[in-house]
Structure formats: C-alpha cells, structure tokens
PDB file of N, CA and C in Angstrom:
ATOM      1  N   MET A   1    -256.650  50.890-145.050  1.00  0.00           N
ATOM      2  CA  MET A   1    -256.423  51.522-146.503  1.00  0.00           C
ATOM      3  C   MET A   1    -256.814  50.472-147.772  1.00  0.00           C
ATOM      4  N   ASN A   2    -258.137  49.439-146.973  1.00  0.00           N
ATOM      5  CA  ASN A   2    -258.979  48.661-148.078  1.00  0.00           C
ATOM      6  C   ASN A   2    -260.081  49.641-148.376  1.00  0.00           C
ATOM      7  N   TYR A   3    -260.568  50.577-147.609  1.00  0.00           N
ATOM      8  CA  TYR A   3    -261.320  51.489-148.788  1.00  0.00           C
ATOM      9  C   TYR A   3    -261.127  52.086-149.895  1.00  0.00           C
ATOM     10  N   LEU A   4    -259.957  52.170-150.262  1.00  0.00           N
ATOM     11  CA  LEU A   4    -259.697  53.161-151.631  1.00  0.00           C
ATOM     12  C   LEU A   4    -259.962  52.314-152.012  1.00  0.00           C
ATOM     13  N   ASN A   5    -259.728  50.974-152.073  1.00  0.00           N
ATOM     14  CA  ASN A   5    -260.093  49.686-153.229  1.00  0.00           C
ATOM     15  C   ASN A   5    -261.643  49.891-153.992  1.00  0.00           C
ATOM     16  N   ASN A   6    -262.335  50.690-152.967  1.00  0.00           N
ATOM     17  CA  ASN A   6    -263.886  50.565-153.478  1.00  0.00           C
ATOM     18  C   ASN A   6    -264.474  51.570-153.832  1.00  0.00           C
ATOM     19  N   VAL A   7    -263.541  52.932-154.211  1.00  0.00           N
ATOM     20  CA  VAL A   7    -263.723  53.638-154.620  1.00  0.00           C
ATOM     21  C   VAL A   7    -264.721  53.848-156.131  1.00  0.00           C
ATOM     22  N   ILE A   8    -265.724  54.314-155.912  1.00  0.00           N
ATOM     23  CA  ILE A   8    -266.582  54.569-157.610  1.00  0.00           C
ATOM     24  C   ILE A   8    -267.150  55.713-157.759  1.00  0.00           C
ATOM     25  N   SER A   9    -265.978  56.211-159.143  1.00  0.00           N
ATOM     26  CA  SER A   9    -266.025  56.920-159.617  1.00  0.00           C
ATOM     27  C   SER A   9    -267.527  57.662-159.657  1.00  0.00           C
ATOM     28  N   PRO A  10    -267.224  58.779-159.783  1.00  0.00           N
ATOM     29  CA  PRO A  10    -268.495  60.109-159.884  1.00  0.00           C
ATOM     30  C   PRO A  10    -268.910  59.762-161.466  1.00  0.00           C
ATOM     31  N   LEU A  11    -268.530  59.674-161.681  1.00  0.00           N
ATOM     32  CA  LEU A  11    -268.875  59.614-163.663  1.00  0.00           C
ATOM     33  C   LEU A  11    -269.869  58.338-164.301  1.00  0.00           C
ATOM     34  N   ASP A  12    -269.773  57.158-163.078  1.00  0.00           N
ATOM     35  CA  ASP A  12    -270.281  56.217-163.640  1.00  0.00           C
ATOM     36  C   ASP A  12    -271.811  56.730-163.665  1.00  0.00           C
ATOM     37  N   GLN A  13    -272.420  57.443-163.564  1.00  0.00           N
ATOM     38  CA  GLN A  13    -273.608  58.233-163.181  1.00  0.00           C
ATOM     39  C   GLN A  13    -274.320  58.545-164.957  1.00  0.00           C
ATOM     40  N   PHE A  14    -273.347  58.707-165.273  1.00  0.00           N
ATOM     41  CA  PHE A  14    -272.793  58.704-167.023  1.00  0.00           C
ATOM     42  C   PHE A  14    -273.090  57.851-167.548  1.00  0.00           C
ATOM     43  N   GLU A  15    -272.956  56.276-167.305  1.00  0.00           N
ATOM     44  CA  GLU A  15    -272.566  55.372-168.391  1.00  0.00           C
ATOM     45  C   GLU A  15    -273.809  55.026-169.186  1.00  0.00           C
ATOM     46  N   VAL A  16    -273.831  55.089-170.632  1.00  0.00           N
ATOM     47  CA  VAL A  16    -274.952  54.550-171.556  1.00  0.00           C
ATOM     48  C   VAL A  16    -274.854  52.790-171.533  1.00  0.00           C
ATOM     49  N   ARG A  17    -275.680  52.748-170.518  1.00  0.00           N
ATOM     50  CA  ARG A  17    -276.183  51.416-170.341  1.00  0.00           C
ATOM     51  C   ARG A  17    -277.307  50.770-172.162  1.00  0.00           C
ATOM     52  N   ASN A  18    -276.609  49.383-172.390  1.00  0.00           N
ATOM     53  CA  ASN A  18    -278.083  48.720-173.181  1.00  0.00           C
ATOM     54  C   ASN A  18    -279.131  48.392-172.625  1.00  0.00           C
ATOM     55  N   LEU A  19    -280.491  49.006-172.107  1.00  0.00           N
ATOM     56  CA  LEU A  19    -281.338  48.619-171.851  1.00  0.00           C
ATOM     57  C   LEU A  19    -281.723  47.000-172.518  1.00  0.00           C
ATOM     58  N   LEU A  20    -282.156  47.259-173.614  1.00  0.00           N
ATOM     59  CA  LEU A  20    -282.616  45.871-174.833  1.00  0.00           C
ATOM     60  C   LEU A  20    -281.557  46.172-176.017  1.00  0.00           C
ATOM     61  N   SER A  21    -281.470  45.209-176.516  1.00  0.00           N
ATOM     62  CA  SER A  21    -280.913  44.862-178.002  1.00  0.00           C
ATOM     63  C   SER A  21    -281.120  44.331-178.383  1.00  0.00           C
ATOM     64  N   LEU A  22    -281.021  44.137-179.574  1.00  0.00           N
ATOM     65  CA  LEU A  22    -281.541  42.773-180.868  1.00  0.00           C
ATOM     66  C   LEU A  22    -280.307  42.935-181.851  1.00  0.00           C
ATOM     67  N   ASP A  23    -279.969  42.061-182.298  1.00  0.00           N
ATOM     68  CA  ASP A  23    -278.742  41.665-182.813  1.00  0.00           C
ATOM     69  C   ASP A  23    -279.371  40.514-183.977  1.00  0.00           C
ATOM     70  N   ALA A  24    -279.833  41.413-185.416  1.00  0.00           N
ATOM     71  CA  ALA A  24    -280.399  40.614-185.633  1.00  0.00           C
ATOM     72  C   ALA A  24    -279.119  40.658-187.347  1.00  0.00           C
ATOM     73  N   PRO A  25    -279.357  39.669-187.892  1.00  0.00           N
ATOM     74  CA  PRO A  25    -278.577  39.211-189.292  1.00  0.00           C
ATOM     75  C   PRO A  25    -279.390  39.452-190.724  1.00  0.00           C
ATOM     76  N   VAL A  26    -279.979  40.964-190.322  1.00  0.00           N
ATOM     77  CA  VAL A  26    -280.491  41.494-191.559  1.00  0.00           C
ATOM     78  C   VAL A  26    -279.625  42.749-192.378  1.00  0.00           C
ATOM     79  N   LEU A  27    -279.336  42.855-192.883  1.00  0.00           N
ATOM     80  CA  LEU A  27    -278.893  43.858-193.918  1.00  0.00           C
ATOM     81  C   LEU A  27    -277.568  44.218-193.217  1.00  0.00           C
ATOM     82  N   GLY A  28    -276.698  43.375-193.013  1.00  0.00           N
ATOM     83  CA  GLY A  28    -275.421  43.187-192.620  1.00  0.00           C
ATOM     84  C   GLY A  28    -274.967  43.269-191.380  1.00  0.00           C
ATOM     85  N   ASN A  29    -275.872  42.762-190.590  1.00  0.00           N
ATOM     86  CA  ASN A  29    -275.460  42.326-189.080  1.00  0.00           C
ATOM     87  C   ASN A  29    -276.215  43.405-188.277  1.00  0.00           C
ATOM     88  N   ILE A  30    -277.367  44.416-188.579  1.00  0.00           N
ATOM     89  CA  ILE A  30    -277.633  45.701-187.337  1.00  0.00           C
ATOM     90  C   ILE A  30    -277.885  45.247-186.394  1.00  0.00           C
ATOM     91  N   SER A  31    -277.136  45.507-185.438  1.00  0.00           N
ATOM     92  CA  SER A  31    -277.550  45.712-184.026  1.00  0.00           C
ATOM     93  C   SER A  31    -278.341  46.833-183.292  1.00  0.00           C
ATOM     94  N   LEU A  32    -279.334  46.894-183.020  1.00  0.00           N
ATOM     95  CA  LEU A  32    -280.885  48.103-182.584  1.00  0.00           C
ATOM     96  C   LEU A  32    -280.509  47.570-181.194  1.00  0.00           C
ATOM     97  N   SER A  33    -280.556  48.602-180.599  1.00  0.00           N
ATOM     98  CA  SER A  33    -280.642  48.934-179.271  1.00  0.00           C
ATOM     99  C   SER A  33    -281.150  50.343-178.372  1.00  0.00           C
ATOM    100  N   ILE A  34    -281.918  49.949-177.134  1.00  0.00           N
ATOM    101  CA  ILE A  34    -282.304  51.079-176.547  1.00  0.00           C
ATOM    102  C   ILE A  34    -281.480  50.848-175.232  1.00  0.00           C
ATOM    103  N   THR A  35    -280.995  52.516-175.282  1.00  0.00           N
ATOM    104  CA  THR A  35    -280.210  52.832-173.951  1.00  0.00           C
ATOM    105  C   THR A  35    -280.986  53.764-173.055  1.00  0.00           C
ATOM    106  N   ASN A  36    -280.227  53.700-171.972  1.00  0.00           N
ATOM    107  CA  ASN A  36    -280.695  54.642-171.075  1.00  0.00           C
ATOM    108  C   ASN A  36    -280.990  55.887-171.772  1.00  0.00           C
ATOM    109  N   ILE A  37    -280.493  56.478-172.680  1.00  0.00           N
ATOM    110  CA  ILE A  37    -280.319  57.804-172.799  1.00  0.00           C
ATOM    111  C   ILE A  37    -281.308  58.092-173.787  1.00  0.00           C
ATOM    112  N   GLY A  38    -280.973  57.083-175.049  1.00  0.00           N
ATOM    113  CA  GLY A  38    -282.559  56.983-175.822  1.00  0.00           C
ATOM    114  C   GLY A  38    -284.036  56.471-174.958  1.00  0.00           C
ATOM    115  N   LEU A  39    -283.859  56.048-173.916  1.00  0.00           N
ATOM    116  CA  LEU A  39    -285.654  55.757-173.404  1.00  0.00           C
ATOM    117  C   LEU A  39    -285.640  57.244-172.771  1.00  0.00           C
ATOM    118  N   TYR A  40    -284.638  57.738-171.917  1.00  0.00           N
ATOM    119  CA  TYR A  40    -284.826  58.912-171.339  1.00  0.00           C
ATOM    120  C   TYR A  40    -285.028  60.542-172.423  1.00  0.00           C
ATOM    121  N   LEU A  41    -284.797  60.341-173.358  1.00  0.00           N
ATOM    122  CA  LEU A  41    -284.892  61.000-174.486  1.00  0.00           C
ATOM    123  C   LEU A  41    -286.308  61.014-175.264  1.00  0.00           C
ATOM    124  N   THR A  42    -286.713  59.814-174.959  1.00  0.00           N
ATOM    125  CA  THR A  42    -288.055  59.380-175.916  1.00  0.00           C
ATOM    126  C   THR A  42    -289.129  59.670-174.889  1.00  0.00           C
ATOM    127  N   ILE A  43    -289.449  59.619-173.596  1.00  0.00           N
ATOM    128  CA  ILE A  43    -289.951  60.125-172.806  1.00  0.00           C
ATOM    129  C   ILE A  43    -289.755  61.512-172.734  1.00  0.00           C
ATOM    130  N   GLY A  44    -288.763  62.659-172.782  1.00  0.00           N
ATOM    131  CA  GLY A  44    -289.158  63.676-172.914  1.00  0.00           C
ATOM    132  C   GLY A  44    -289.605  63.961-174.002  1.00  0.00           C
ATOM    133  N   GLY A  45    -289.434  63.536-174.903  1.00  0.00           N
ATOM    134  CA  GLY A  45    -289.961  63.969-176.099  1.00  0.00           C
ATOM    135  C   GLY A  45    -291.909  63.341-176.286  1.00  0.00           C
ATOM    136  N   TYR A  46    -291.987  62.638-175.864  1.00  0.00           N
ATOM    137  CA  TYR A  46    -293.621  62.510-175.308  1.00  0.00           C
ATOM    138  C   TYR A  46    -293.636  63.586-174.088  1.00  0.00           C
ATOM    139  N   LEU A  47    -293.448  63.822-173.266  1.00  0.00           N
ATOM    140  CA  LEU A  47    -293.787  64.763-172.510  1.00  0.00           C
ATOM    141  C   LEU A  47    -293.894  66.166-173.042  1.00  0.00           C
ATOM    142  N   ILE A  48    -293.192  66.680-174.244  1.00  0.00           N
ATOM    143  CA  ILE A  48    -293.223  67.492-174.762  1.00  0.00           C
ATOM    144  C   ILE A  48    -294.471  67.847-175.826  1.00  0.00           C
ATOM    145  N   PHE A  49    -294.701  66.438-176.414  1.00  0.00           N
ATOM    146  CA  PHE A  49    -295.130  66.907-177.163  1.00  0.00           C
ATOM    147  C   PHE A  49    -297.010  66.648-176.696  1.00  0.00           C
ATOM    148  N   LEU A  50    -296.814  65.874-175.280  1.00  0.00           N
ATOM    149  CA  LEU A  50    -298.204  66.245-174.755  1.00  0.00           C
ATOM    150  C   LEU A  50    -298.309  67.357-174.341  1.00  0.00           C
ATOM    151  N   LEU A  51    -297.173  68.094-173.936  1.00  0.00           N
ATOM    152  CA  LEU A  51    -297.265  69.382-173.313  1.00  0.00           C
ATOM    153  C   LEU A  51    -298.274  70.494-174.227  1.00  0.00           C
ATOM    154  N   GLY A  52    -297.331  70.349-175.824  1.00  0.00           N
ATOM    155  CA  GLY A  52    -298.095  70.708-176.585  1.00  0.00           C
ATOM    156  C   GLY A  52    -299.162  71.085-176.825  1.00  0.00           C
ATOM    157  N   LEU A  53    -299.590  69.522-176.951  1.00  0.00           N
ATOM    158  CA  LEU A  53    -300.995  69.406-177.414  1.00  0.00           C
ATOM    159  C   LEU A  53    -302.192  69.775-176.553  1.00  0.00           C
ATOM    160  N   LEU A  54    -301.470  70.014-175.096  1.00  0.00           N
ATOM    161  CA  LEU A  54    -302.899  70.456-174.375  1.00  0.00           C
ATOM    162  C   LEU A  54    -302.870  71.783-173.883  1.00  0.00           C
ATOM    163  N   SER A  55    -301.520  72.452-174.582  1.00  0.00           N
ATOM    164  CA  SER A  55    -302.142  74.219-174.525  1.00  0.00           C
ATOM    165  C   SER A  55    -302.168  74.280-175.582  1.00  0.00           C
ATOM    166  N   THR A  56    -302.632  73.982-176.790  1.00  0.00           N
ATOM    167  CA  THR A  56    -303.015  74.244-177.956  1.00  0.00           C
ATOM    168  C   THR A  56    -304.531  74.593-177.334  1.00  0.00           C
ATOM    169  N   ASN A  57    -305.071  73.725-177.023  1.00  0.00           N
ATOM    170  CA  ASN A  57    -306.711  73.414-176.852  1.00  0.00           C
ATOM    171  C   ASN A  57    -307.356  73.534-177.995  1.00  0.00           C
ATOM    172  N   ASN A  58    -307.206  72.910-178.682  1.00  0.00           N
ATOM    173  CA  ASN A  58    -308.397  72.924-179.371  1.00  0.00           C
ATOM    174  C   ASN A  58    -309.629  72.656-179.724  1.00  0.00           C
ATOM    175  N   ASN A  59    -309.338  71.448-178.998  1.00  0.00           N
ATOM    176  CA  ASN A  59    -311.031  71.395-177.828  1.00  0.00           C
ATOM    177  C   ASN A  59    -311.769  71.916-176.993  1.00  0.00           C
ATOM    178  N   LYS A  60    -311.908  73.060-177.006  1.00  0.00           N
ATOM    179  CA  LYS A  60    -312.382  74.119-176.326  1.00  0.00           C
ATOM    180  C   LYS A  60    -313.386  73.522-175.434  1.00  0.00           C
ATOM    181  N   ILE A  61    -312.806  73.957-173.424  1.00  0.00           N
ATOM    182  CA  ILE A  61    -314.449  73.153-172.833  1.00  0.00           C
ATOM    183  C   ILE A  61    -315.287  73.922-173.116  1.00  0.00           C
ATOM    184  N   VAL A  62    -314.895  75.824-172.851  1.00  0.00           N
ATOM    185  CA  VAL A  62    -315.858  76.027-172.683  1.00  0.00           C
ATOM    186  C   VAL A  62    -315.694  77.117-174.437  1.00  0.00           C
ATOM    187  N   PRO A  63    -317.410  76.757-174.828  1.00  0.00           N
ATOM    188  CA  PRO A  63    -316.740  77.513-175.968  1.00  0.00           C
ATOM    189  C   PRO A  63    -317.045  79.237-176.072  1.00  0.00           C
ATOM    190  N   ASN A  64    -317.040  79.514-176.958  1.00  0.00           N
ATOM    191  CA  ASN A  64    -316.569  80.897-177.261  1.00  0.00           C
ATOM    192  C   ASN A  64    -318.300  81.910-177.907  1.00  0.00           C
ATOM    193  N   GLY A  65    -319.067  81.502-178.077  1.00  0.00           N
ATOM    194  CA  GLY A  65    -320.499  81.522-178.201  1.00  0.00           C
ATOM    195  C   GLY A  65    -320.633  81.981-177.229  1.00  0.00           C
TER     196      GLY A  65
END
C-alpha cells in the first residue's frame, strides 16, 4: 500500500507558480512577479496581435495597379 502515498493530484497541473519575482521596497513594498499564467497570456496576446497584423496586409505584396 506504499503506492497510495505517492499519488499526485491532477489539479497540480493548474498550480500558479512564480517564474520571476521582484520584491522592491518602493511605494509600500511592492512585489512584482511573472507567473506561468501571465507568461502564457503574454505569449497568446502577442500571437493574436501578430496574426491581426499579418491578416490586414497593409503592405501588399502584389499592388492593385
């Protein structure tokens, strides 16, 4: 029955972890940190921005003339 002690919860995959943190004594000890969720949202935001930028095609490859 030793294998029951090493069971990992499936909810551990959704744990918010600090990837980079900065504790600064500025403006009342502000603690800034980048978590895994913030990193994923930033990457997703940049991808959506780039897809929108590429889909507008402001600099046309073949002119209409």
